[in-house]
N, C-alpha and C. Protein backbone atom coordinates (compact mmCIF):
# COMPACT_ATOMS: atom_id res chain seq x y z
N MET A 1 3.29 -5.06 -24.37
CA MET A 1 2.13 -5.21 -23.53
C MET A 1 1.98 -3.96 -22.67
N LEU A 2 0.78 -3.48 -22.58
CA LEU A 2 0.49 -2.28 -21.81
C LEU A 2 0.36 -2.62 -20.32
N ALA A 3 1.16 -1.96 -19.51
CA ALA A 3 1.12 -2.19 -18.07
C ALA A 3 0.23 -1.13 -17.41
N ILE A 4 -0.68 -1.60 -16.59
CA ILE A 4 -1.55 -0.69 -15.86
C ILE A 4 -0.97 -0.50 -14.47
N THR A 5 -0.72 0.73 -14.10
CA THR A 5 -0.11 1.01 -12.81
C THR A 5 -1.19 1.32 -11.76
N THR A 6 -0.77 1.32 -10.52
CA THR A 6 -1.67 1.68 -9.42
C THR A 6 -2.19 3.10 -9.62
N GLN A 7 -1.32 3.99 -10.07
CA GLN A 7 -1.72 5.38 -10.29
C GLN A 7 -2.82 5.46 -11.35
N ASP A 8 -2.70 4.66 -12.41
CA ASP A 8 -3.73 4.65 -13.46
C ASP A 8 -5.09 4.22 -12.89
N VAL A 9 -5.07 3.17 -12.08
CA VAL A 9 -6.31 2.67 -11.48
C VAL A 9 -6.90 3.71 -10.53
N ILE A 10 -6.05 4.34 -9.74
CA ILE A 10 -6.52 5.37 -8.81
C ILE A 10 -7.15 6.54 -9.55
N GLU A 11 -6.54 6.96 -10.64
CA GLU A 11 -7.10 8.06 -11.43
C GLU A 11 -8.46 7.67 -12.01
N GLU A 12 -8.57 6.45 -12.52
CA GLU A 12 -9.84 5.98 -13.07
C GLU A 12 -10.92 5.91 -11.99
N MET A 13 -10.55 5.41 -10.81
CA MET A 13 -11.52 5.33 -9.71
C MET A 13 -11.95 6.73 -9.25
N THR A 14 -11.00 7.64 -9.20
CA THR A 14 -11.31 9.01 -8.80
C THR A 14 -12.29 9.64 -9.77
N ASN A 15 -12.02 9.51 -11.05
CA ASN A 15 -12.91 10.08 -12.06
C ASN A 15 -14.29 9.43 -12.04
N ALA A 16 -14.32 8.12 -11.84
CA ALA A 16 -15.60 7.42 -11.81
C ALA A 16 -16.42 7.78 -10.57
N PHE A 17 -15.74 7.94 -9.44
CA PHE A 17 -16.45 8.20 -8.19
C PHE A 17 -16.84 9.67 -8.05
N LEU A 18 -15.92 10.58 -8.35
CA LEU A 18 -16.16 12.01 -8.14
C LEU A 18 -16.74 12.72 -9.35
N GLY A 19 -16.51 12.18 -10.52
CA GLY A 19 -16.99 12.84 -11.73
C GLY A 19 -16.12 14.01 -12.12
N THR A 20 -16.59 14.74 -13.09
CA THR A 20 -15.80 15.86 -13.63
C THR A 20 -16.01 17.16 -12.87
N ASP A 21 -17.02 17.23 -12.02
CA ASP A 21 -17.31 18.46 -11.29
C ASP A 21 -16.55 18.60 -9.98
N ALA A 22 -15.73 17.63 -9.62
CA ALA A 22 -15.01 17.67 -8.35
C ALA A 22 -13.92 18.73 -8.38
N THR A 23 -13.68 19.31 -7.23
CA THR A 23 -12.59 20.29 -7.12
C THR A 23 -11.26 19.56 -7.06
N SER A 24 -10.20 20.29 -7.27
CA SER A 24 -8.87 19.67 -7.22
C SER A 24 -8.58 19.16 -5.80
N ARG A 25 -9.08 19.84 -4.79
CA ARG A 25 -8.88 19.40 -3.40
C ARG A 25 -9.60 18.08 -3.15
N GLN A 26 -10.83 17.95 -3.63
CA GLN A 26 -11.58 16.70 -3.47
C GLN A 26 -10.85 15.55 -4.16
N LYS A 27 -10.36 15.81 -5.37
CA LYS A 27 -9.63 14.77 -6.09
C LYS A 27 -8.36 14.37 -5.36
N TYR A 28 -7.64 15.36 -4.86
CA TYR A 28 -6.40 15.10 -4.14
C TYR A 28 -6.66 14.26 -2.90
N LEU A 29 -7.65 14.63 -2.11
CA LEU A 29 -7.95 13.90 -0.88
C LEU A 29 -8.39 12.47 -1.18
N PHE A 30 -9.21 12.30 -2.19
CA PHE A 30 -9.67 10.96 -2.56
C PHE A 30 -8.50 10.10 -3.04
N GLU A 31 -7.65 10.67 -3.90
CA GLU A 31 -6.49 9.93 -4.41
C GLU A 31 -5.53 9.55 -3.28
N GLN A 32 -5.30 10.47 -2.35
CA GLN A 32 -4.40 10.16 -1.24
C GLN A 32 -4.98 9.07 -0.34
N SER A 33 -6.28 9.07 -0.16
CA SER A 33 -6.93 8.01 0.63
C SER A 33 -6.73 6.65 -0.05
N LEU A 34 -6.88 6.61 -1.35
CA LEU A 34 -6.67 5.36 -2.07
C LEU A 34 -5.21 4.91 -2.02
N HIS A 35 -4.28 5.86 -2.13
CA HIS A 35 -2.85 5.53 -2.01
C HIS A 35 -2.56 4.93 -0.63
N ASN A 36 -3.16 5.50 0.41
CA ASN A 36 -2.95 4.99 1.76
C ASN A 36 -3.51 3.58 1.91
N LEU A 37 -4.64 3.30 1.29
CA LEU A 37 -5.19 1.94 1.33
C LEU A 37 -4.24 0.95 0.66
N VAL A 38 -3.63 1.35 -0.44
CA VAL A 38 -2.68 0.50 -1.13
C VAL A 38 -1.48 0.23 -0.23
N ARG A 39 -0.97 1.26 0.44
CA ARG A 39 0.17 1.09 1.35
C ARG A 39 -0.16 0.13 2.49
N ILE A 40 -1.35 0.28 3.05
CA ILE A 40 -1.76 -0.62 4.14
C ILE A 40 -1.84 -2.06 3.64
N ALA A 41 -2.42 -2.25 2.46
CA ALA A 41 -2.54 -3.59 1.90
C ALA A 41 -1.16 -4.21 1.64
N GLN A 42 -0.22 -3.41 1.17
CA GLN A 42 1.13 -3.92 0.93
C GLN A 42 1.80 -4.32 2.24
N ALA A 43 1.63 -3.51 3.28
CA ALA A 43 2.22 -3.83 4.58
C ALA A 43 1.61 -5.10 5.15
N GLU A 44 0.30 -5.24 5.03
CA GLU A 44 -0.37 -6.46 5.51
C GLU A 44 0.11 -7.68 4.75
N GLN A 45 0.30 -7.54 3.45
CA GLN A 45 0.77 -8.65 2.64
C GLN A 45 2.17 -9.07 3.06
N LYS A 46 3.04 -8.11 3.33
CA LYS A 46 4.40 -8.44 3.77
C LYS A 46 4.38 -9.17 5.11
N ILE A 47 3.50 -8.75 6.01
CA ILE A 47 3.39 -9.42 7.31
C ILE A 47 2.91 -10.85 7.13
N GLU A 48 1.93 -11.05 6.25
CA GLU A 48 1.42 -12.40 5.98
C GLU A 48 2.49 -13.29 5.35
N ILE A 49 3.26 -12.74 4.43
CA ILE A 49 4.33 -13.51 3.80
C ILE A 49 5.36 -13.91 4.84
N LYS A 50 5.73 -12.97 5.69
CA LYS A 50 6.71 -13.25 6.73
C LYS A 50 6.21 -14.36 7.65
N ALA A 51 4.95 -14.29 8.06
CA ALA A 51 4.38 -15.31 8.93
C ALA A 51 4.33 -16.67 8.24
N SER A 52 3.99 -16.69 6.96
CA SER A 52 3.93 -17.94 6.21
C SER A 52 5.31 -18.58 6.08
N VAL A 53 6.30 -17.77 5.77
CA VAL A 53 7.66 -18.29 5.62
C VAL A 53 8.16 -18.82 6.97
N LYS A 54 7.88 -18.09 8.02
CA LYS A 54 8.31 -18.53 9.35
C LYS A 54 7.63 -19.85 9.72
N LYS A 55 6.36 -19.97 9.41
CA LYS A 55 5.61 -21.20 9.71
C LYS A 55 6.17 -22.38 8.92
N LEU A 56 6.50 -22.15 7.65
CA LEU A 56 6.98 -23.23 6.80
C LEU A 56 8.43 -23.62 7.08
N THR A 57 9.25 -22.65 7.44
CA THR A 57 10.69 -22.93 7.58
C THR A 57 11.16 -22.88 9.02
N GLY A 58 10.40 -22.27 9.89
CA GLY A 58 10.85 -22.09 11.26
C GLY A 58 11.89 -20.99 11.37
N ALA A 59 12.14 -20.29 10.28
CA ALA A 59 13.15 -19.23 10.26
C ALA A 59 12.58 -17.93 10.79
N ASP A 60 13.44 -17.16 11.43
CA ASP A 60 13.05 -15.83 11.88
C ASP A 60 13.60 -14.83 10.87
N LEU A 61 12.71 -14.09 10.23
CA LEU A 61 13.12 -13.16 9.17
C LEU A 61 13.27 -11.73 9.68
N ALA A 62 13.66 -11.56 10.91
CA ALA A 62 13.73 -10.22 11.50
C ALA A 62 14.71 -9.31 10.76
N ASP A 63 15.72 -9.88 10.13
CA ASP A 63 16.73 -9.06 9.47
C ASP A 63 16.58 -9.03 7.95
N THR A 64 15.42 -9.39 7.45
CA THR A 64 15.23 -9.42 6.00
C THR A 64 14.39 -8.26 5.53
N GLU A 65 14.26 -8.16 4.23
CA GLU A 65 13.52 -7.08 3.59
C GLU A 65 12.02 -7.19 3.83
N LEU A 66 11.53 -8.38 4.15
CA LEU A 66 10.09 -8.59 4.29
C LEU A 66 9.52 -8.00 5.58
N CYS A 67 10.34 -7.74 6.56
CA CYS A 67 9.80 -7.27 7.83
C CYS A 67 9.57 -5.76 7.79
N MET A 68 8.73 -5.31 8.70
CA MET A 68 8.42 -3.89 8.79
C MET A 68 9.62 -3.17 9.39
N PRO A 69 9.86 -1.93 9.00
CA PRO A 69 10.97 -1.18 9.58
C PRO A 69 10.75 -0.97 11.07
N LYS A 70 11.84 -1.04 11.82
CA LYS A 70 11.76 -0.85 13.25
C LYS A 70 11.88 0.64 13.58
N VAL A 71 11.11 1.06 14.55
CA VAL A 71 11.14 2.46 14.98
C VAL A 71 12.23 2.58 16.03
N MET A 72 13.12 3.50 15.82
CA MET A 72 14.20 3.72 16.78
C MET A 72 13.69 4.60 17.91
N PRO A 73 13.99 4.24 19.17
CA PRO A 73 13.54 5.07 20.29
C PRO A 73 14.23 6.42 20.28
N ARG A 74 13.50 7.42 20.70
CA ARG A 74 14.09 8.77 20.79
C ARG A 74 14.86 8.89 22.08
N ASN A 75 15.98 9.58 22.00
CA ASN A 75 16.81 9.79 23.20
C ASN A 75 16.41 11.04 23.93
């Protein structure tokens, strides 16, 4: 079975939106914007999953993989 990756979809969207006349810089900026949207969506999904699990179980998942990384304060 052929697996379609996020990169494949981003390339297709870039080509469809910008066409063949786009510069490499335009393509790069558009692709990076789409990658950032994917990252934001993944982070939001993890937050929603964490909230759902906490609501259903009453458990605090602060030390699990589902939570966002904590920023360490600078000294």
